């Protein structure tokens, strides 16, 4: 069901998922026409446009042009955006890249031109960016020498340190103060998946900027609750989802096993429609306990890149870090909302909500099939220690992410992010809070427990 009124985007959705789909594809010939004036200003001509890559919300194209006078070749990246949050998403990404280039040494791509309106010949918002020469770290990580991996961990610590020194007073996304002053910046509405996914743009919802984390999560929870209201009022009435009309039409075409699976899905959906609002209300009730209101001075907000992954880090042939890309959906947040480790140093094995690793058990022998996995996981724990040690040497404010996020806040966020699936356990989790004595403990408490080889499993 297309949940957006915009014909260019559809959302594959039910009560559990929202996946954006391109309903109209960008026209390559129109891309050439759109960029030509910007290239000609710099003496470039004969552009060729080649599809490069696609993310969830963007399509990327490589622009190759030749200098008309000197014959030199130049490459750019042209980024076409799905209109998930018109104007704000493009404006924020451009401002964030410009801010990072002005205020840190982190190699964010240069933005040469952009249009945050789709009222142009292409019919989409777009951005003409620097094509940073380099290779994604993901392609070379496995073959890297240990010394280079240590270097990467240290450089990532330095990047996080720089970002943690960029202080703000509100939770939200960065924007230019005005088109006339691209060197001035301000925090504005949050460009966040919870505020634009599926039908969210149709909701009357506060998108910020927010003074506190409590206000931010209040809006996030309300958006989840509104999802259920919308689903029950619109989708089921149209005969979709668990509607009886659709079920009866398909019943005769299903095998017996498929029919059982379908019925199970309908029953789970009915439980979700009843359970998700109750879980949301329960989270709203304890929200002031999890994130108490505080003054901006006591809880500064920092610029947080949540996806510093091996796919978004670019390296040169020598293994030096030369670029960090994908600056969309970046927020200014309190330390308590940020994960201490960048994604490049996290691992899914034994990970809690902070990204800290349980040290993996050793394989039974050198010939064990798990030997390589064990080595990789153990290596990651060592690189996490390198990362932290470098932060300590820098006396970095980023160290506050290890001490200000409590187990209570992390478990709260975990329950909210997975509420479409965990709604049945959320109430049980809240009911158990009264008997817990560890809720005020921080990441460092978990680290101490691991050092003592005491396993601790949380909800």
Protein backbone atom coordinates (compact mmCIF):
# COMPACT_ATOMS: atom_id res chain seq x y z
CA UNK A 1 0.00 0.00 0.00
CA UNK A 2 1.48 3.41 -0.97
CA UNK A 3 1.48 5.32 2.30
CA UNK A 4 2.91 8.50 0.82
CA UNK A 5 0.94 10.92 -1.31
CA UNK A 6 4.11 11.47 -3.34
CA UNK A 7 3.99 9.33 -6.53
CA UNK A 8 7.78 8.94 -6.56
CA UNK A 9 7.91 6.85 -3.40
CA UNK A 10 5.98 3.84 -2.12
CA UNK A 11 6.40 1.98 1.15
CA UNK A 12 6.22 -1.78 1.38
CA UNK A 13 4.62 -2.03 4.76
CA UNK A 14 2.55 -3.88 7.26
CA UNK A 15 2.28 -3.29 10.97
CA UNK A 16 5.88 -4.48 11.41
CA UNK A 17 7.97 -3.14 8.52
CA UNK A 18 8.35 -0.03 6.38
CA UNK A 19 10.64 -0.30 3.35
CA UNK A 20 10.91 2.65 0.90
CA UNK A 21 10.54 1.80 -2.78
CA UNK A 22 11.41 3.91 -5.84
CA UNK A 23 8.17 4.20 -7.83
CA UNK A 24 9.77 6.52 -10.40
CA UNK A 25 13.40 6.14 -11.48
CA UNK A 26 15.71 9.14 -12.00
CA UNK A 27 16.27 9.96 -15.67
CA UNK A 28 20.00 9.91 -16.54
CA UNK A 29 19.56 12.40 -19.40
CA UNK A 30 17.87 14.82 -17.03
CA UNK A 31 20.73 14.40 -14.56
CA UNK A 32 23.12 15.53 -17.30
CA UNK A 33 21.01 18.63 -17.97
CA UNK A 34 20.73 19.49 -14.28
CA UNK A 35 24.46 19.33 -13.56
CA UNK A 36 25.75 20.92 -16.78
CA UNK A 37 25.48 24.57 -15.60
CA UNK A 38 27.48 23.78 -12.45
CA UNK A 39 30.17 22.01 -14.44
CA UNK A 40 30.43 24.73 -17.08
CA UNK A 41 31.12 27.35 -14.41
CA UNK A 42 34.33 25.41 -13.65
CA UNK A 43 35.26 24.92 -17.30
CA UNK A 44 34.12 21.30 -17.42
CA UNK A 45 32.27 19.77 -20.34
CA UNK A 46 31.06 16.51 -21.89
CA UNK A 47 29.71 14.91 -18.69
CA UNK A 48 28.90 11.22 -18.65
CA UNK A 49 26.60 9.79 -16.01
CA UNK A 50 27.02 6.21 -14.77
CA UNK A 51 25.04 4.42 -12.08
CA UNK A 52 27.34 3.83 -9.10
CA UNK A 53 25.43 2.47 -6.11
CA UNK A 54 22.13 2.51 -4.27
CA UNK A 55 21.29 2.85 -0.62
CA UNK A 56 17.96 2.61 1.14
CA UNK A 57 17.15 6.26 0.53
CA UNK A 58 19.45 7.35 -2.32
CA UNK A 59 20.74 6.47 -5.75
CA UNK A 60 24.34 7.43 -6.51
CA UNK A 61 25.80 8.18 -9.93
CA UNK A 62 29.37 8.85 -11.02
CA UNK A 63 29.81 12.02 -13.06
CA UNK A 64 32.86 12.06 -15.34
CA UNK A 65 33.75 15.35 -17.05
CA UNK A 66 36.71 16.82 -18.92
CA UNK A 67 38.16 20.30 -18.52
CA UNK A 68 37.51 22.11 -21.80
CA UNK A 69 40.86 23.97 -21.78
CA UNK A 70 43.34 21.66 -20.05
CA UNK A 71 41.86 18.27 -20.91
CA UNK A 72 42.10 17.04 -17.33
CA UNK A 73 39.56 14.47 -16.15
CA UNK A 74 37.35 15.00 -13.10
CA UNK A 75 34.97 12.68 -11.26
CA UNK A 76 32.07 13.54 -8.96
CA UNK A 77 29.29 11.75 -7.12
CA UNK A 78 25.71 12.77 -7.86
CA UNK A 79 23.30 11.74 -5.14
CA UNK A 80 19.55 11.55 -5.86
CA UNK A 81 17.35 11.40 -2.76
CA UNK A 82 14.03 9.70 -2.20
CA UNK A 83 11.58 12.30 -0.84
CA UNK A 84 11.22 10.65 2.57
CA UNK A 85 11.48 13.97 4.42
CA UNK A 86 11.35 16.64 1.72
CA UNK A 87 13.73 19.58 2.06
CA UNK A 88 14.96 18.71 5.55
CA UNK A 89 16.92 15.56 4.74
CA UNK A 90 18.95 17.14 1.92
CA UNK A 91 19.44 20.46 3.73
CA UNK A 92 20.63 18.69 6.86
CA UNK A 93 23.04 16.37 5.08
CA UNK A 94 24.63 19.26 3.16
CA UNK A 95 24.94 21.40 6.30
CA UNK A 96 26.38 18.52 8.33
CA UNK A 97 29.09 17.79 5.74
CA UNK A 98 29.97 21.49 5.56
CA UNK A 99 30.06 21.80 9.34
CA UNK A 100 32.34 18.79 9.73
CA UNK A 101 34.74 20.09 7.08
CA UNK A 102 34.87 23.51 8.77
CA UNK A 103 35.18 22.39 12.39
CA UNK A 104 37.07 19.06 12.29
CA UNK A 105 39.79 17.30 10.33
CA UNK A 106 37.43 14.42 9.45
CA UNK A 107 37.48 13.98 5.64
CA UNK A 108 33.78 14.39 4.85
CA UNK A 109 33.01 14.86 1.15
CA UNK A 110 32.89 18.40 -0.22
CA UNK A 111 29.44 19.51 -1.40
CA UNK A 112 29.71 21.47 -4.66
CA UNK A 113 26.01 22.08 -5.28
CA UNK A 114 22.64 20.77 -4.13
CA UNK A 115 18.92 21.35 -4.54
CA UNK A 116 16.67 20.62 -1.56
CA UNK A 117 13.57 21.11 -3.69
CA UNK A 118 12.25 18.62 -6.21
CA UNK A 119 10.83 21.48 -8.28
CA UNK A 120 13.51 21.04 -10.93
CA UNK A 121 13.88 19.27 -14.26
CA UNK A 122 15.00 16.03 -12.59
CA UNK A 123 12.01 15.97 -10.26
CA UNK A 124 14.09 14.88 -7.25
CA UNK A 125 16.25 16.53 -4.62
CA UNK A 126 19.92 16.09 -5.47
CA UNK A 127 23.47 16.75 -4.36
CA UNK A 128 26.70 17.09 -6.39
CA UNK A 129 29.57 15.89 -4.21
CA UNK A 130 33.28 15.26 -4.20
CA UNK A 131 34.22 11.72 -5.21
CA UNK A 132 36.83 10.90 -2.58
CA UNK A 133 39.49 8.62 -4.08
CA UNK A 134 39.74 5.54 -1.92
CA UNK A 135 38.54 2.02 -1.21
CA UNK A 136 35.91 1.04 1.36
CA UNK A 137 37.64 -0.36 4.42
CA UNK A 138 35.36 -3.40 4.16
CA UNK A 139 37.20 -4.57 1.04
CA UNK A 140 40.67 -4.59 2.60
CA UNK A 141 40.04 -5.16 6.32
CA UNK A 142 40.64 -8.92 6.31
CA UNK A 143 44.01 -8.55 4.55
CA UNK A 144 45.24 -5.64 6.69
CA UNK A 145 48.27 -6.08 8.93
CA UNK A 146 47.63 -5.79 12.66
CA UNK A 147 49.61 -2.54 12.89
CA UNK A 148 47.33 -0.90 10.34
CA UNK A 149 44.24 -2.05 12.22
CA UNK A 150 45.64 -0.50 15.39
CA UNK A 151 46.18 2.70 13.41
CA UNK A 152 42.55 2.59 12.23
CA UNK A 153 41.27 2.15 15.80
CA UNK A 154 43.37 5.09 16.98
CA UNK A 155 42.25 7.33 14.12
CA UNK A 156 38.62 6.46 14.77
CA UNK A 157 39.12 7.47 18.40
CA UNK A 158 40.52 10.79 17.20
CA UNK A 159 37.51 11.30 14.93
CA UNK A 160 35.07 10.58 17.75
CA UNK A 161 37.02 12.94 19.99
CA UNK A 162 36.70 15.74 17.45
CA UNK A 163 32.96 15.18 17.05
CA UNK A 164 32.49 15.13 20.82
CA UNK A 165 33.98 18.62 21.04
CA UNK A 166 31.28 19.96 18.69
CA UNK A 167 28.76 21.03 21.35
CA UNK A 168 25.11 21.99 20.96
CA UNK A 169 22.19 22.71 23.27
CA UNK A 170 19.40 20.82 21.48
CA UNK A 171 18.63 17.39 20.04
CA UNK A 172 18.02 17.54 16.30
CA UNK A 173 19.71 17.86 12.92
CA UNK A 174 22.11 20.52 11.68
CA UNK A 175 21.13 23.17 9.15
CA UNK A 176 22.72 26.28 7.68
CA UNK A 177 21.52 29.37 9.52
CA UNK A 178 20.68 30.91 6.16
CA UNK A 179 21.43 30.43 2.48
CA UNK A 180 23.40 33.65 2.61
CA UNK A 181 25.59 32.43 5.46
CA UNK A 182 26.80 28.89 4.80
CA UNK A 183 29.32 29.27 7.61
CA UNK A 184 26.58 29.61 10.22
CA UNK A 185 24.76 26.59 11.61
CA UNK A 186 21.81 25.83 13.86
CA UNK A 187 19.99 22.77 15.18
CA UNK A 188 16.56 22.23 13.66
CA UNK A 189 13.99 19.43 13.16
CA UNK A 190 15.35 15.92 13.58
CA UNK A 191 15.79 13.91 10.39
CA UNK A 192 15.19 10.49 11.88
CA UNK A 193 13.59 7.30 10.59
CA UNK A 194 10.97 7.38 13.36
CA UNK A 195 9.78 10.74 12.04
CA UNK A 196 9.56 10.04 8.31
CA UNK A 197 9.09 6.30 7.76
CA UNK A 198 5.95 5.12 6.02
CA UNK A 199 3.02 7.33 6.88
CA UNK A 200 4.80 9.40 9.57
CA UNK A 201 4.85 12.60 7.52
CA UNK A 202 1.06 12.56 7.73
CA UNK A 203 1.14 12.70 11.53
CA UNK A 204 0.92 15.88 13.57
CA UNK A 205 4.12 15.16 15.44
CA UNK A 206 6.77 17.29 17.11
CA UNK A 207 10.01 16.68 15.19
CA UNK A 208 12.12 19.08 17.20
CA UNK A 209 14.50 20.51 17.83
CA UNK A 210 14.21 19.09 21.35
CA UNK A 211 15.73 20.46 24.53
CA UNK A 212 16.11 17.02 26.12
CA UNK A 213 16.32 13.32 25.33
CA UNK A 214 13.02 12.88 27.16
CA UNK A 215 11.23 15.12 24.65
CA UNK A 216 12.89 13.34 21.72
CA UNK A 217 11.81 9.89 22.86
CA UNK A 218 8.33 11.09 23.74
CA UNK A 219 7.80 12.02 20.08
CA UNK A 220 9.43 8.78 18.93
CA UNK A 221 7.09 6.69 21.10
CA UNK A 222 4.05 8.65 19.93
CA UNK A 223 4.97 7.99 16.30
CA UNK A 224 4.97 4.23 17.01
CA UNK A 225 1.59 4.51 18.69
CA UNK A 226 0.18 6.50 15.78
CA UNK A 227 1.31 3.73 13.43
CA UNK A 228 -1.13 1.30 15.04
CA UNK A 229 -3.94 3.86 14.96
CA UNK A 230 -3.33 4.49 11.27
CA UNK A 231 -3.08 0.79 10.50
CA UNK A 232 -6.34 -0.12 12.19
CA UNK A 233 -8.24 2.87 10.75
CA UNK A 234 -6.99 2.64 7.16
CA UNK A 235 -5.25 -0.60 6.19
CA UNK A 236 -7.76 -3.03 7.65
CA UNK A 237 -10.70 -1.01 6.33
CA UNK A 238 -9.22 -1.35 2.84
CA UNK A 239 -9.23 -5.14 3.19
CA UNK A 240 -5.44 -5.33 3.46
CA UNK A 241 -3.30 -6.77 6.23
CA UNK A 242 -5.59 -8.93 8.33
CA UNK A 243 -8.77 -7.87 6.47
CA UNK A 244 -11.35 -10.62 6.06
CA UNK A 245 -11.92 -9.91 2.36
CA UNK A 246 -8.34 -10.57 1.43
CA UNK A 247 -8.17 -13.61 3.67
CA UNK A 248 -11.25 -15.23 2.12
CA UNK A 249 -10.07 -14.60 -1.44
CA UNK A 250 -6.72 -16.25 -0.82
CA UNK A 251 -7.92 -19.10 1.35
CA UNK A 252 -8.74 -21.45 -1.49
CA UNK A 253 -5.37 -20.83 -3.15
CA UNK A 254 -3.30 -21.78 -0.11
CA UNK A 255 -1.97 -25.16 0.83
CA UNK A 256 -2.81 -26.46 4.29
CA UNK A 257 0.60 -25.47 5.68
CA UNK A 258 0.40 -22.05 4.07
CA UNK A 259 -3.06 -21.56 5.54
CA UNK A 260 -1.78 -22.39 9.03
CA UNK A 261 1.09 -19.95 8.56
CA UNK A 262 -1.31 -17.28 7.33
CA UNK A 263 -3.63 -17.80 10.30
CA UNK A 264 -0.68 -17.63 12.70
CA UNK A 265 0.39 -14.35 11.11
CA UNK A 266 -3.11 -12.92 11.46
CA UNK A 267 -3.28 -13.92 15.12
CA UNK A 268 0.11 -12.34 15.82
CA UNK A 269 -0.99 -9.21 14.00
CA UNK A 270 -4.13 -8.96 16.15
CA UNK A 271 -2.03 -9.31 19.30
CA UNK A 272 0.32 -6.61 18.03
CA UNK A 273 -2.55 -4.19 17.38
CA UNK A 274 -3.58 -4.58 21.01
CA UNK A 275 -0.12 -4.94 22.51
CA UNK A 276 1.94 -2.19 20.86
CA UNK A 277 -0.18 0.72 22.19
CA UNK A 278 -0.01 -0.76 25.70
CA UNK A 279 3.76 -1.14 25.42
CA UNK A 280 4.06 2.45 24.17
CA UNK A 281 1.99 3.74 27.08
CA UNK A 282 4.14 1.77 29.51
CA UNK A 283 7.34 3.25 28.03
CA UNK A 284 5.88 6.76 28.19
CA UNK A 285 5.08 6.24 31.86
CA UNK A 286 8.67 5.37 32.83
CA UNK A 287 10.31 7.81 30.37
CA UNK A 288 10.90 10.54 33.01
CA UNK A 289 12.70 7.97 35.16
CA UNK A 290 14.92 6.86 32.27
CA UNK A 291 15.78 10.32 30.91
CA UNK A 292 15.12 12.95 33.60
CA UNK A 293 14.73 16.53 32.42
CA UNK A 294 18.00 18.39 32.83
CA UNK A 295 19.59 21.69 31.86
CA UNK A 296 21.46 21.96 28.53
CA UNK A 297 24.60 22.91 30.45
CA UNK A 298 24.59 19.62 32.35
CA UNK A 299 23.74 17.51 29.30
CA UNK A 300 25.49 18.96 26.25
CA UNK A 301 24.62 17.49 22.86
CA UNK A 302 27.30 16.34 20.44
CA UNK A 303 27.33 15.55 16.72
CA UNK A 304 26.95 11.78 16.43
CA UNK A 305 27.66 9.79 13.26
CA UNK A 306 25.88 6.53 14.04
CA UNK A 307 27.20 4.60 11.02
CA UNK A 308 31.00 4.81 11.05
CA UNK A 309 31.19 1.34 9.53
CA UNK A 310 33.78 -0.40 7.37
CA UNK A 311 31.53 0.34 4.38
CA UNK A 312 31.55 4.11 4.98
CA UNK A 313 35.25 4.51 5.81
CA UNK A 314 37.53 5.01 2.80
CA UNK A 315 41.25 4.17 2.81
CA UNK A 316 44.08 4.69 0.34
CA UNK A 317 46.49 2.00 -0.90
CA UNK A 318 48.65 2.42 2.21
CA UNK A 319 45.70 1.90 4.53
CA UNK A 320 45.39 5.54 5.59
CA UNK A 321 41.90 6.83 6.35
CA UNK A 322 41.00 9.30 3.61
CA UNK A 323 37.23 9.63 3.78
CA UNK A 324 34.07 9.16 5.81
CA UNK A 325 30.82 9.16 3.85
CA UNK A 326 27.06 8.79 4.46
CA UNK A 327 26.23 11.81 6.59
CA UNK A 328 22.45 11.49 6.31
CA UNK A 329 20.20 11.15 9.37
CA UNK A 330 22.92 12.53 11.65
CA UNK A 331 21.70 13.99 14.94
CA UNK A 332 23.06 16.03 17.81
CA UNK A 333 22.45 13.90 20.91
CA UNK A 334 23.40 13.68 24.60
CA UNK A 335 26.24 11.30 25.38
CA UNK A 336 23.78 8.83 26.88
CA UNK A 337 22.17 8.25 23.46
CA UNK A 338 25.40 7.48 21.59
CA UNK A 339 27.03 4.06 21.31
CA UNK A 340 30.62 4.29 22.64
CA UNK A 341 32.24 2.38 19.76
CA UNK A 342 31.94 3.19 16.07
CA UNK A 343 30.30 0.38 14.09
CA UNK A 344 33.64 -0.57 12.54
CA UNK A 345 34.78 -1.77 15.97
CA UNK A 346 31.52 -3.42 17.01
CA UNK A 347 30.61 -7.04 16.53
CA UNK A 348 27.39 -9.02 16.70
CA UNK A 349 28.91 -11.77 18.84
CA UNK A 350 28.07 -11.44 22.51
CA UNK A 351 27.34 -7.75 22.06
CA UNK A 352 25.17 -5.81 24.45
CA UNK A 353 23.43 -2.57 23.56
CA UNK A 354 26.64 -0.56 23.95
CA UNK A 355 28.59 -2.58 21.40
CA UNK A 356 30.85 -4.05 24.06
CA UNK A 357 32.00 -7.59 23.32
CA UNK A 358 31.90 -10.56 25.58
CA UNK A 359 35.26 -12.21 25.10
CA UNK A 360 34.55 -15.28 22.96
CA UNK A 361 35.37 -18.75 24.26
CA UNK A 362 38.52 -20.29 22.74
CA UNK A 363 38.07 -23.06 20.17
CA UNK A 364 38.85 -26.59 21.24
CA UNK A 365 41.89 -26.86 18.94
CA UNK A 366 43.84 -25.12 16.19
CA UNK A 367 41.89 -27.23 13.68
CA UNK A 368 38.54 -26.13 15.08
CA UNK A 369 36.26 -24.68 12.41
CA UNK A 370 35.61 -21.74 14.73
CA UNK A 371 39.29 -20.81 14.94
CA UNK A 372 39.06 -17.98 12.38
CA UNK A 373 35.90 -16.61 13.95
CA UNK A 374 37.48 -16.70 17.40
CA UNK A 375 40.60 -14.89 16.15
CA UNK A 376 38.51 -12.18 14.52
CA UNK A 377 36.39 -11.65 17.61
CA UNK A 378 39.35 -11.60 19.97
CA UNK A 379 41.05 -9.11 17.66
CA UNK A 380 38.01 -6.86 17.86
CA UNK A 381 38.11 -6.84 21.67
CA UNK A 382 41.76 -5.77 21.52
CA UNK A 383 41.00 -2.99 19.04
CA UNK A 384 38.25 -1.74 21.32
CA UNK A 385 40.83 -1.40 24.08
CA UNK A 386 43.16 0.49 21.68
CA UNK A 387 40.27 2.80 20.84
CA UNK A 388 39.50 3.51 24.46
CA UNK A 389 43.14 4.00 25.45
CA UNK A 390 43.55 6.60 22.71
CA UNK A 391 40.48 8.45 24.01
CA UNK A 392 42.02 8.46 27.48
CA UNK A 393 45.27 9.87 26.10
CA UNK A 394 43.28 12.65 24.45
CA UNK A 395 41.26 13.22 27.64
CA UNK A 396 38.34 13.06 25.27
CA UNK A 397 34.78 14.11 26.15
CA UNK A 398 33.69 11.02 24.19
CA UNK A 399 34.63 8.96 27.24
CA UNK A 400 31.38 10.21 28.74
CA UNK A 401 29.51 7.83 26.41
CA UNK A 402 30.95 4.97 28.50
CA UNK A 403 29.75 6.42 31.79
CA UNK A 404 26.51 8.32 31.09
CA UNK A 405 24.50 5.60 29.38
CA UNK A 406 22.96 3.38 32.06
CA UNK A 407 21.68 -0.14 31.64
CA UNK A 408 18.20 1.26 32.15
CA UNK A 409 18.51 3.74 29.27
CA UNK A 410 20.03 1.16 26.92
CA UNK A 411 17.35 -1.41 27.70
CA UNK A 412 14.68 1.27 27.24
CA UNK A 413 16.02 2.16 23.78
CA UNK A 414 16.26 -1.53 22.87
CA UNK A 415 12.62 -2.08 23.82
CA UNK A 416 11.49 0.97 21.85
CA UNK A 417 13.44 0.19 18.68
CA UNK A 418 12.10 -3.36 18.57
CA UNK A 419 8.65 -2.65 19.96
CA UNK A 420 6.82 -4.11 16.95
CA UNK A 421 8.27 -7.49 17.90
CA UNK A 422 9.07 -7.19 21.61
CA UNK A 423 5.82 -5.57 22.77
CA UNK A 424 4.88 -8.71 24.71
CA UNK A 425 8.14 -8.61 26.65
CA UNK A 426 8.20 -4.86 27.25
CA UNK A 427 5.61 -4.99 30.03
CA UNK A 428 7.42 -7.95 31.63
CA UNK A 429 10.66 -5.97 31.45
CA UNK A 430 9.04 -2.95 33.13
CA UNK A 431 7.46 -5.13 35.81
CA UNK A 432 10.90 -6.50 36.71
CA UNK A 433 12.53 -3.07 37.01
CA UNK A 434 11.50 -2.64 40.65
CA UNK A 435 13.60 -5.60 41.71
CA UNK A 436 16.72 -4.66 39.75
CA UNK A 437 19.69 -3.12 41.52
CA UNK A 438 21.95 -2.72 38.47
CA UNK A 439 19.89 -0.22 36.45
CA UNK A 440 22.05 2.76 37.33
CA UNK A 441 25.20 0.91 36.32
CA UNK A 442 27.04 2.03 33.19
CA UNK A 443 29.07 0.49 30.42
CA UNK A 444 32.14 0.59 32.68
CA UNK A 445 30.32 -1.65 35.15
CA UNK A 446 29.83 -4.22 32.38
CA UNK A 447 33.49 -3.90 31.41
CA UNK A 448 34.53 -4.56 35.00
CA UNK A 449 32.27 -7.60 35.16
CA UNK A 450 33.84 -9.02 32.00
CA UNK A 451 37.32 -8.48 33.36
CA UNK A 452 36.28 -10.63 36.30
CA UNK A 453 34.91 -13.19 33.83
CA UNK A 454 31.40 -12.83 35.20
CA UNK A 455 28.86 -13.19 32.44
CA UNK A 456 25.84 -10.92 32.64
CA UNK A 457 22.90 -11.21 30.27
CA UNK A 458 20.32 -8.44 30.01
CA UNK A 459 16.87 -8.34 28.47
